[in-house]
Amino acid sequence: MVPISNFLVVSALLFAIGTAGVMVSRNLLIIFMSIELMLNAANLAIITFSRMNLNVDGHIIVFIVLTVAAAEAAVGLAIIIMIFRNRETVNADKFNLLKR
C-alpha cells in the first residue's frame, strides 16, 4: 500500500508546478493549462484526505470540481480562440482589450 504522504507530496509538487506556470508564463494557453494542473492537484489532495478518513464526501466534491473544470475549459478555450482570431497572438502582455 502506498503511504498517504506520497500522494500529498505529489499533490504539492503538481500545485507548485502549476503556480510557477501561471507566474512565469506569458502564453495564455500555458497559463490555462497551469490552472487546470492546480485544480487537479487540489483534487488529488481532496481524494487523499477523503480516503484517509474513509469518507466518500470528498469524492462527491471532486466530481463537482471536475464538472466545473470541464465547463471552465470549454469557455476558456473559446475565449482564447477568439483572442487569437482578433489579435493573432496568445501573449498575455498583448492582451489589453479593457484598456483605452
Protein backbone atom coordinates (compact mmCIF):
# COMPACT_ATOMS: atom_id res chain seq x y z
CA MET A 1 0.00 0.00 0.00
CA VAL A 2 1.28 3.44 -0.90
CA PRO A 3 1.54 5.84 2.06
CA ILE A 4 -0.78 8.83 2.11
CA SER A 5 2.16 11.21 2.47
CA ASN A 6 3.32 10.23 -1.03
CA PHE A 7 0.01 11.35 -2.53
CA LEU A 8 0.21 14.65 -0.67
CA VAL A 9 3.79 15.24 -1.84
CA VAL A 10 2.76 14.61 -5.46
CA SER A 11 -0.21 16.94 -4.99
CA ALA A 12 2.01 19.68 -3.56
CA LEU A 13 4.52 19.28 -6.40
CA LEU A 14 1.78 19.47 -9.04
CA PHE A 15 0.34 22.56 -7.38
CA ALA A 16 3.79 24.19 -7.21
CA ILE A 17 4.43 23.44 -10.90
CA GLY A 18 1.03 24.94 -11.78
CA THR A 19 1.70 28.03 -9.70
CA ALA A 20 5.10 28.50 -11.33
CA GLY A 21 3.48 28.12 -14.75
CA VAL A 22 0.95 30.84 -14.00
CA MET A 23 3.54 33.21 -12.57
CA VAL A 24 6.27 32.77 -15.20
CA SER A 25 4.46 32.16 -18.48
CA ARG A 26 3.16 34.83 -20.82
CA ASN A 27 1.33 32.42 -23.12
CA LEU A 28 -2.40 32.24 -22.37
CA LEU A 29 -2.57 28.53 -23.24
CA ILE A 30 0.24 27.68 -20.81
CA ILE A 31 -1.42 29.75 -18.10
CA PHE A 32 -4.70 27.97 -18.76
CA MET A 33 -3.06 24.53 -18.58
CA SER A 34 -1.29 25.53 -15.37
CA ILE A 35 -4.60 26.46 -13.76
CA GLU A 36 -6.00 23.08 -14.76
CA LEU A 37 -2.94 21.41 -13.22
CA MET A 38 -3.56 23.29 -9.98
CA LEU A 39 -7.19 22.13 -9.95
CA ASN A 40 -6.11 18.53 -10.44
CA ALA A 41 -3.55 18.84 -7.64
CA ALA A 42 -6.28 20.08 -5.31
CA ASN A 43 -8.49 17.19 -6.40
CA LEU A 44 -5.73 14.72 -5.58
CA ALA A 45 -5.35 16.20 -2.10
CA ILE A 46 -9.12 16.09 -1.52
CA ILE A 47 -9.29 12.44 -2.61
CA THR A 48 -6.31 11.61 -0.39
CA PHE A 49 -7.88 13.12 2.71
CA SER A 50 -11.22 11.55 1.86
CA ARG A 51 -9.63 8.13 1.60
CA MET A 52 -7.64 8.68 4.79
CA ASN A 53 -10.85 9.39 6.71
CA LEU A 54 -12.79 6.58 4.95
CA ASN A 55 -15.38 9.09 3.81
CA VAL A 56 -16.97 9.43 0.35
CA ASP A 57 -17.86 13.11 0.67
CA GLY A 58 -14.52 14.09 -0.85
CA HIS A 59 -15.27 12.03 -3.95
CA ILE A 60 -18.51 13.94 -4.46
CA ILE A 61 -16.69 17.25 -4.12
CA VAL A 62 -14.10 16.13 -6.68
CA PHE A 63 -16.85 15.23 -9.16
CA ILE A 64 -18.31 18.71 -8.75
CA VAL A 65 -14.87 20.32 -9.21
CA LEU A 66 -14.24 18.22 -12.33
CA THR A 67 -17.59 19.32 -13.76
CA VAL A 68 -16.78 22.98 -13.13
CA ALA A 69 -13.28 22.48 -14.60
CA ALA A 70 -14.75 20.97 -17.77
CA ALA A 71 -17.08 23.94 -18.18
CA GLU A 72 -14.18 26.31 -17.49
CA ALA A 73 -12.07 24.53 -20.10
CA ALA A 74 -14.75 24.92 -22.75
CA VAL A 75 -15.35 28.60 -22.04
CA GLY A 76 -11.66 29.40 -21.51
CA LEU A 77 -10.56 27.78 -24.75
CA ALA A 78 -13.33 29.56 -26.64
CA ILE A 79 -12.15 32.89 -25.24
CA ILE A 80 -8.53 32.12 -26.09
CA ILE A 81 -9.51 31.17 -29.66
CA MET A 82 -11.44 34.41 -30.09
CA ILE A 83 -8.49 36.42 -28.75
CA PHE A 84 -6.19 34.65 -31.20
CA ARG A 85 -8.54 35.35 -34.11
CA ASN A 86 -8.76 39.05 -33.24
CA ARG A 87 -5.19 39.74 -32.09
CA GLU A 88 -3.28 36.91 -33.83
CA THR A 89 -1.33 36.24 -30.63
CA VAL A 90 -1.88 34.45 -27.33
CA ASN A 91 0.72 36.50 -25.46
CA ALA A 92 -0.74 37.79 -22.19
CA ASP A 93 1.20 41.06 -22.49
CA LYS A 94 -0.59 41.90 -25.74
CA PHE A 95 -3.98 41.19 -24.21
CA ASN A 96 -5.21 44.66 -23.31
CA LEU A 97 -8.79 44.71 -24.56
CA LEU A 98 -10.08 46.51 -21.47
CA LYS A 99 -7.58 49.37 -21.68
CA ARG A 100 -8.35 52.57 -23.56
